[in-house]
Amino acid sequence: HGKEALELYRQMQLQGVEPNKITFISILDACAGLAALTEGKDSHANIIDSRVESDVVVGTAIVNMYAKCGSLNDARHVFDKMPQQDVVLWNAMIQAYSQNGHGREALKLFQQMQLKGVSPDKITFISILSGCSHAGLLDDGWRCFVSMNRQYTIAPTVEHVVCVIDLLGRA
């Protein structure tokens, strides 16, 4: 339904209806699903004009959109500019690197996250384990998996175990 969402958004603009945060998040999700980078950049420009870019939820949606469109530099630029960086935003950027084959960058960002005092959650570890697996970072991935429970008391889920199996299978 991404194309329909984009068309409705265009109609809103033509009729002078002011989009709110929910509208922007929805349209960014549609752009991400369609890998519609041009429309995503246009939406990002509209978000800047509306002054809601610094909202962490909107910022996370922008990072996700750029990542799913393969524009990691734009995703990282938005991430770095965010005044607040919660675990969800960190996860989005780590996942961006992992999904686009940049496991080492995902791992570096994960380490920066820890240094900044942001506690990882279950999603963080799924993203980092996946990134390590695809980049062939067996030792790093294993260390992350072990630290998940020892350091952060996060019990592994099926998704984590599948990532570790994939990590070991690629080794």
C-alpha atoms as a PDB file:
ATOM      1  CA  HIS A   1       0.000   0.000   0.000  1.00  0.00           C
ATOM      2  CA  GLY A   2       3.066   2.223  -0.223  1.00  0.00           C
ATOM      3  CA  LYS A   3       2.162   3.679  -3.602  1.00  0.00           C
ATOM      4  CA  GLU A   4      -1.322   4.543  -2.349  1.00  0.00           C
ATOM      5  CA  ALA A   5       0.178   6.217   0.729  1.00  0.00           C
ATOM      6  CA  LEU A   6       2.465   8.326  -1.458  1.00  0.00           C
ATOM      7  CA  GLU A   7      -0.449   9.342  -3.649  1.00  0.00           C
ATOM      8  CA  LEU A   8      -2.549  10.351  -0.641  1.00  0.00           C
ATOM      9  CA  TYR A   9       0.369  12.355   0.697  1.00  0.00           C
ATOM     10  CA  ARG A  10       0.661  14.177  -2.648  1.00  0.00           C
ATOM     11  CA  GLN A  11      -3.049  14.958  -2.510  1.00  0.00           C
ATOM     12  CA  MET A  12      -2.661  16.314   1.029  1.00  0.00           C
ATOM     13  CA  GLN A  13       0.117  18.597  -0.168  1.00  0.00           C
ATOM     14  CA  LEU A  14      -1.936  19.841  -3.127  1.00  0.00           C
ATOM     15  CA  GLN A  15      -4.837  20.644  -0.821  1.00  0.00           C
ATOM     16  CA  GLY A  16      -2.591  22.476   1.631  1.00  0.00           C
ATOM     17  CA  VAL A  17      -3.136  20.049   4.502  1.00  0.00           C
ATOM     18  CA  GLU A  18      -0.272  20.270   7.010  1.00  0.00           C
ATOM     19  CA  PRO A  19       1.213  16.854   7.771  1.00  0.00           C
ATOM     20  CA  ASN A  20       1.934  15.942  11.392  1.00  0.00           C
ATOM     21  CA  LYS A  21       4.543  13.591  12.882  1.00  0.00           C
ATOM     22  CA  ILE A  22       2.360  10.529  12.295  1.00  0.00           C
ATOM     23  CA  THR A  23       1.885  11.464   8.647  1.00  0.00           C
ATOM     24  CA  PHE A  24       5.626  11.889   8.175  1.00  0.00           C
ATOM     25  CA  ILE A  25       6.430   8.600   9.887  1.00  0.00           C
ATOM     26  CA  SER A  26       3.872   6.820   7.704  1.00  0.00           C
ATOM     27  CA  ILE A  27       5.145   8.343   4.488  1.00  0.00           C
ATOM     28  CA  LEU A  28       8.763   7.557   5.401  1.00  0.00           C
ATOM     29  CA  ASP A  29       7.747   3.948   6.045  1.00  0.00           C
ATOM     30  CA  ALA A  30       6.056   3.842   2.639  1.00  0.00           C
ATOM     31  CA  CYS A  31       9.188   5.238   0.984  1.00  0.00           C
ATOM     32  CA  ALA A  32      11.331   2.660   2.804  1.00  0.00           C
ATOM     33  CA  GLY A  33       9.059  -0.185   1.723  1.00  0.00           C
ATOM     34  CA  LEU A  34       9.246   0.929  -1.895  1.00  0.00           C
ATOM     35  CA  ALA A  35      12.942   1.868  -1.728  1.00  0.00           C
ATOM     36  CA  ALA A  36      11.754   5.219  -3.076  1.00  0.00           C
ATOM     37  CA  LEU A  37      14.800   7.335  -2.246  1.00  0.00           C
ATOM     38  CA  THR A  38      13.762  10.404  -4.250  1.00  0.00           C
ATOM     39  CA  GLU A  39      10.360  10.584  -2.548  1.00  0.00           C
ATOM     40  CA  GLY A  40      12.043   9.876   0.786  1.00  0.00           C
ATOM     41  CA  LYS A  41      14.463  12.764   0.321  1.00  0.00           C
ATOM     42  CA  ASP A  42      11.560  15.035  -0.636  1.00  0.00           C
ATOM     43  CA  SER A  43       9.713  13.966   2.503  1.00  0.00           C
ATOM     44  CA  HIS A  44      12.821  14.572   4.588  1.00  0.00           C
ATOM     45  CA  ALA A  45      13.052  18.101   3.162  1.00  0.00           C
ATOM     46  CA  ASN A  46       9.404  18.684   4.120  1.00  0.00           C
ATOM     47  CA  ILE A  47      10.148  17.393   7.627  1.00  0.00           C
ATOM     48  CA  ILE A  48      13.034  19.840   7.967  1.00  0.00           C
ATOM     49  CA  ASP A  49      10.737  22.663   6.853  1.00  0.00           C
ATOM     50  CA  SER A  50       8.134  21.627   9.434  1.00  0.00           C
ATOM     51  CA  ARG A  51      10.743  21.549  12.223  1.00  0.00           C
ATOM     52  CA  VAL A  52       9.918  18.063  13.559  1.00  0.00           C
ATOM     53  CA  GLU A  53      13.191  16.511  12.378  1.00  0.00           C
ATOM     54  CA  SER A  54      14.704  16.593  15.868  1.00  0.00           C
ATOM     55  CA  ASP A  55      11.905  14.383  17.246  1.00  0.00           C
ATOM     56  CA  VAL A  56      13.597  11.053  17.986  1.00  0.00           C
ATOM     57  CA  VAL A  57      10.717   8.983  16.579  1.00  0.00           C
ATOM     58  CA  VAL A  58      10.699  10.952  13.328  1.00  0.00           C
ATOM     59  CA  GLY A  59      14.498  10.863  13.208  1.00  0.00           C
ATOM     60  CA  THR A  60      14.448   7.087  13.606  1.00  0.00           C
ATOM     61  CA  ALA A  61      11.955   6.820  10.741  1.00  0.00           C
ATOM     62  CA  ILE A  62      14.247   8.964   8.576  1.00  0.00           C
ATOM     63  CA  VAL A  63      17.259   6.771   9.407  1.00  0.00           C
ATOM     64  CA  ASN A  64      15.224   3.634   8.603  1.00  0.00           C
ATOM     65  CA  MET A  65      14.042   5.073   5.303  1.00  0.00           C
ATOM     66  CA  TYR A  66      17.537   6.012   4.167  1.00  0.00           C
ATOM     67  CA  ALA A  67      18.905   2.642   5.288  1.00  0.00           C
ATOM     68  CA  LYS A  68      16.249   0.654   3.443  1.00  0.00           C
ATOM     69  CA  CYS A  69      16.881   2.765   0.357  1.00  0.00           C
ATOM     70  CA  GLY A  70      20.605   1.938   0.636  1.00  0.00           C
ATOM     71  CA  SER A  71      21.723   5.486   1.439  1.00  0.00           C
ATOM     72  CA  LEU A  72      23.867   4.825   4.502  1.00  0.00           C
ATOM     73  CA  ASN A  73      25.681   8.160   4.406  1.00  0.00           C
ATOM     74  CA  ASP A  74      22.366  10.009   4.626  1.00  0.00           C
ATOM     75  CA  ALA A  75      21.187   7.685   7.396  1.00  0.00           C
ATOM     76  CA  ARG A  76      24.365   8.279   9.394  1.00  0.00           C
ATOM     77  CA  HIS A  77      24.183  12.041   8.841  1.00  0.00           C
ATOM     78  CA  VAL A  78      20.663  12.134  10.312  1.00  0.00           C
ATOM     79  CA  PHE A  79      21.711   9.831  13.160  1.00  0.00           C
ATOM     80  CA  ASP A  80      24.673  12.034  14.066  1.00  0.00           C
ATOM     81  CA  LYS A  81      22.551  15.202  14.035  1.00  0.00           C
ATOM     82  CA  MET A  82      19.882  13.863  16.402  1.00  0.00           C
ATOM     83  CA  PRO A  83      19.936  15.740  19.726  1.00  0.00           C
ATOM     84  CA  GLN A  84      18.540  12.699  21.545  1.00  0.00           C
ATOM     85  CA  GLN A  85      19.719   9.201  20.719  1.00  0.00           C
ATOM     86  CA  ASP A  86      17.641   6.526  22.397  1.00  0.00           C
ATOM     87  CA  VAL A  87      18.161   2.780  22.041  1.00  0.00           C
ATOM     88  CA  VAL A  88      15.644   2.601  19.191  1.00  0.00           C
ATOM     89  CA  LEU A  89      17.603   5.140  17.130  1.00  0.00           C
ATOM     90  CA  TRP A  90      20.886   3.340  17.862  1.00  0.00           C
ATOM     91  CA  ASN A  91      19.240   0.059  16.834  1.00  0.00           C
ATOM     92  CA  ALA A  92      18.052   1.598  13.574  1.00  0.00           C
ATOM     93  CA  MET A  93      21.552   2.726  12.649  1.00  0.00           C
ATOM     94  CA  ILE A  94      23.196  -0.548  13.733  1.00  0.00           C
ATOM     95  CA  GLN A  95      20.592  -2.445  11.715  1.00  0.00           C
ATOM     96  CA  ALA A  96      21.228  -0.135   8.750  1.00  0.00           C
ATOM     97  CA  TYR A  97      24.876  -1.138   8.695  1.00  0.00           C
ATOM     98  CA  SER A  98      24.091  -4.815   9.300  1.00  0.00           C
ATOM     99  CA  GLN A  99      21.469  -5.056   6.557  1.00  0.00           C
ATOM    100  CA  ASN A 100      23.682  -3.315   4.043  1.00  0.00           C
ATOM    101  CA  GLY A 101      26.698  -5.576   4.582  1.00  0.00           C
ATOM    102  CA  HIS A 102      28.748  -3.321   6.851  1.00  0.00           C
ATOM    103  CA  GLY A 103      29.190  -5.558   9.885  1.00  0.00           C
ATOM    104  CA  ARG A 104      32.377  -3.864  11.064  1.00  0.00           C
ATOM    105  CA  GLU A 105      30.652  -0.479  11.060  1.00  0.00           C
ATOM    106  CA  ALA A 106      27.718  -1.990  12.955  1.00  0.00           C
ATOM    107  CA  LEU A 107      30.141  -3.375  15.528  1.00  0.00           C
ATOM    108  CA  LYS A 108      31.943  -0.012  15.881  1.00  0.00           C
ATOM    109  CA  LEU A 109      28.626   1.750  16.376  1.00  0.00           C
ATOM    110  CA  PHE A 110      27.586  -0.857  18.950  1.00  0.00           C
ATOM    111  CA  GLN A 111      30.786  -0.129  20.870  1.00  0.00           C
ATOM    112  CA  GLN A 112      30.128   3.627  20.679  1.00  0.00           C
ATOM    113  CA  MET A 113      26.614   3.015  21.970  1.00  0.00           C
ATOM    114  CA  GLN A 114      28.014   1.244  25.006  1.00  0.00           C
ATOM    115  CA  LEU A 115      30.577   4.012  25.620  1.00  0.00           C
ATOM    116  CA  LYS A 116      27.784   6.596  25.553  1.00  0.00           C
ATOM    117  CA  GLY A 117      25.970   4.659  28.280  1.00  0.00           C
ATOM    118  CA  VAL A 118      23.023   3.527  26.161  1.00  0.00           C
ATOM    119  CA  SER A 119      22.030   0.014  27.204  1.00  0.00           C
ATOM    120  CA  PRO A 120      21.409  -2.385  24.345  1.00  0.00           C
ATOM    121  CA  ASP A 121      18.211  -4.409  24.196  1.00  0.00           C
ATOM    122  CA  LYS A 122      17.178  -7.666  22.509  1.00  0.00           C
ATOM    123  CA  ILE A 123      16.814  -5.941  19.142  1.00  0.00           C
ATOM    124  CA  THR A 124      20.321  -4.484  19.383  1.00  0.00           C
ATOM    125  CA  PHE A 125      21.776  -7.949  19.786  1.00  0.00           C
ATOM    126  CA  ILE A 126      19.788  -9.420  16.898  1.00  0.00           C
ATOM    127  CA  SER A 127      21.110  -6.644  14.663  1.00  0.00           C
ATOM    128  CA  ILE A 128      24.717  -6.905  15.808  1.00  0.00           C
ATOM    129  CA  LEU A 129      24.777 -10.715  15.661  1.00  0.00           C
ATOM    130  CA  SER A 130      23.345 -10.631  12.155  1.00  0.00           C
ATOM    131  CA  GLY A 131      25.901  -8.029  11.087  1.00  0.00           C
ATOM    132  CA  CYS A 132      28.777 -10.041  12.556  1.00  0.00           C
ATOM    133  CA  SER A 133      27.500 -13.175  10.851  1.00  0.00           C
ATOM    134  CA  HIS A 134      27.312 -11.603   7.403  1.00  0.00           C
ATOM    135  CA  ALA A 135      30.729  -9.968   7.813  1.00  0.00           C
ATOM    136  CA  GLY A 136      32.387 -13.177   9.027  1.00  0.00           C
ATOM    137  CA  LEU A 137      33.204 -11.682  12.438  1.00  0.00           C
ATOM    138  CA  LEU A 138      32.954 -14.924  14.389  1.00  0.00           C
ATOM    139  CA  ASP A 139      34.933 -13.917  17.485  1.00  0.00           C
ATOM    140  CA  ASP A 140      33.243 -10.523  17.772  1.00  0.00           C
ATOM    141  CA  GLY A 141      29.816 -12.024  17.291  1.00  0.00           C
ATOM    142  CA  TRP A 142      30.472 -14.695  19.895  1.00  0.00           C
ATOM    143  CA  ARG A 143      31.711 -12.056  22.388  1.00  0.00           C
ATOM    144  CA  CYS A 144      28.542 -10.037  21.823  1.00  0.00           C
ATOM    145  CA  PHE A 145      26.385 -13.105  22.312  1.00  0.00           C
ATOM    146  CA  VAL A 146      28.112 -13.992  25.582  1.00  0.00           C
ATOM    147  CA  SER A 147      27.946 -10.389  26.858  1.00  0.00           C
ATOM    148  CA  MET A 148      24.234 -10.293  26.137  1.00  0.00           C
ATOM    149  CA  ASN A 149      23.495 -12.438  29.178  1.00  0.00           C
ATOM    150  CA  ARG A 150      26.582 -11.847  31.323  1.00  0.00           C
ATOM    151  CA  GLN A 151      26.818  -8.089  31.053  1.00  0.00           C
ATOM    152  CA  TYR A 152      23.253  -7.057  30.199  1.00  0.00           C
ATOM    153  CA  THR A 153      21.211  -9.968  31.647  1.00  0.00           C
ATOM    154  CA  ILE A 154      19.303 -10.339  28.399  1.00  0.00           C
ATOM    155  CA  ALA A 155      18.157 -13.916  27.910  1.00  0.00           C
ATOM    156  CA  PRO A 156      18.734 -15.192  24.372  1.00  0.00           C
ATOM    157  CA  THR A 157      15.625 -15.701  22.263  1.00  0.00           C
ATOM    158  CA  VAL A 158      15.137 -17.991  19.290  1.00  0.00           C
ATOM    159  CA  GLU A 159      16.147 -15.103  17.003  1.00  0.00           C
ATOM    160  CA  HIS A 160      19.472 -14.704  18.825  1.00  0.00           C
ATOM    161  CA  VAL A 161      20.194 -18.427  18.670  1.00  0.00           C
ATOM    162  CA  VAL A 162      19.394 -18.496  14.940  1.00  0.00           C
ATOM    163  CA  CYS A 163      21.859 -15.636  14.411  1.00  0.00           C
ATOM    164  CA  VAL A 164      24.547 -17.526  16.341  1.00  0.00           C
ATOM    165  CA  ILE A 165      23.878 -20.700  14.334  1.00  0.00           C
ATOM    166  CA  ASP A 166      24.226 -18.632  11.167  1.00  0.00           C
ATOM    167  CA  LEU A 167      27.415 -17.045  12.566  1.00  0.00           C
ATOM    168  CA  LEU A 168      28.937 -20.454  13.315  1.00  0.00           C
ATOM    169  CA  GLY A 169      27.762 -21.898   9.998  1.00  0.00           C
ATOM    170  CA  ARG A 170      29.534 -19.166   8.048  1.00  0.00           C
ATOM    171  CA  ALA A 171      32.784 -19.528  10.005  1.00  0.00           C
END
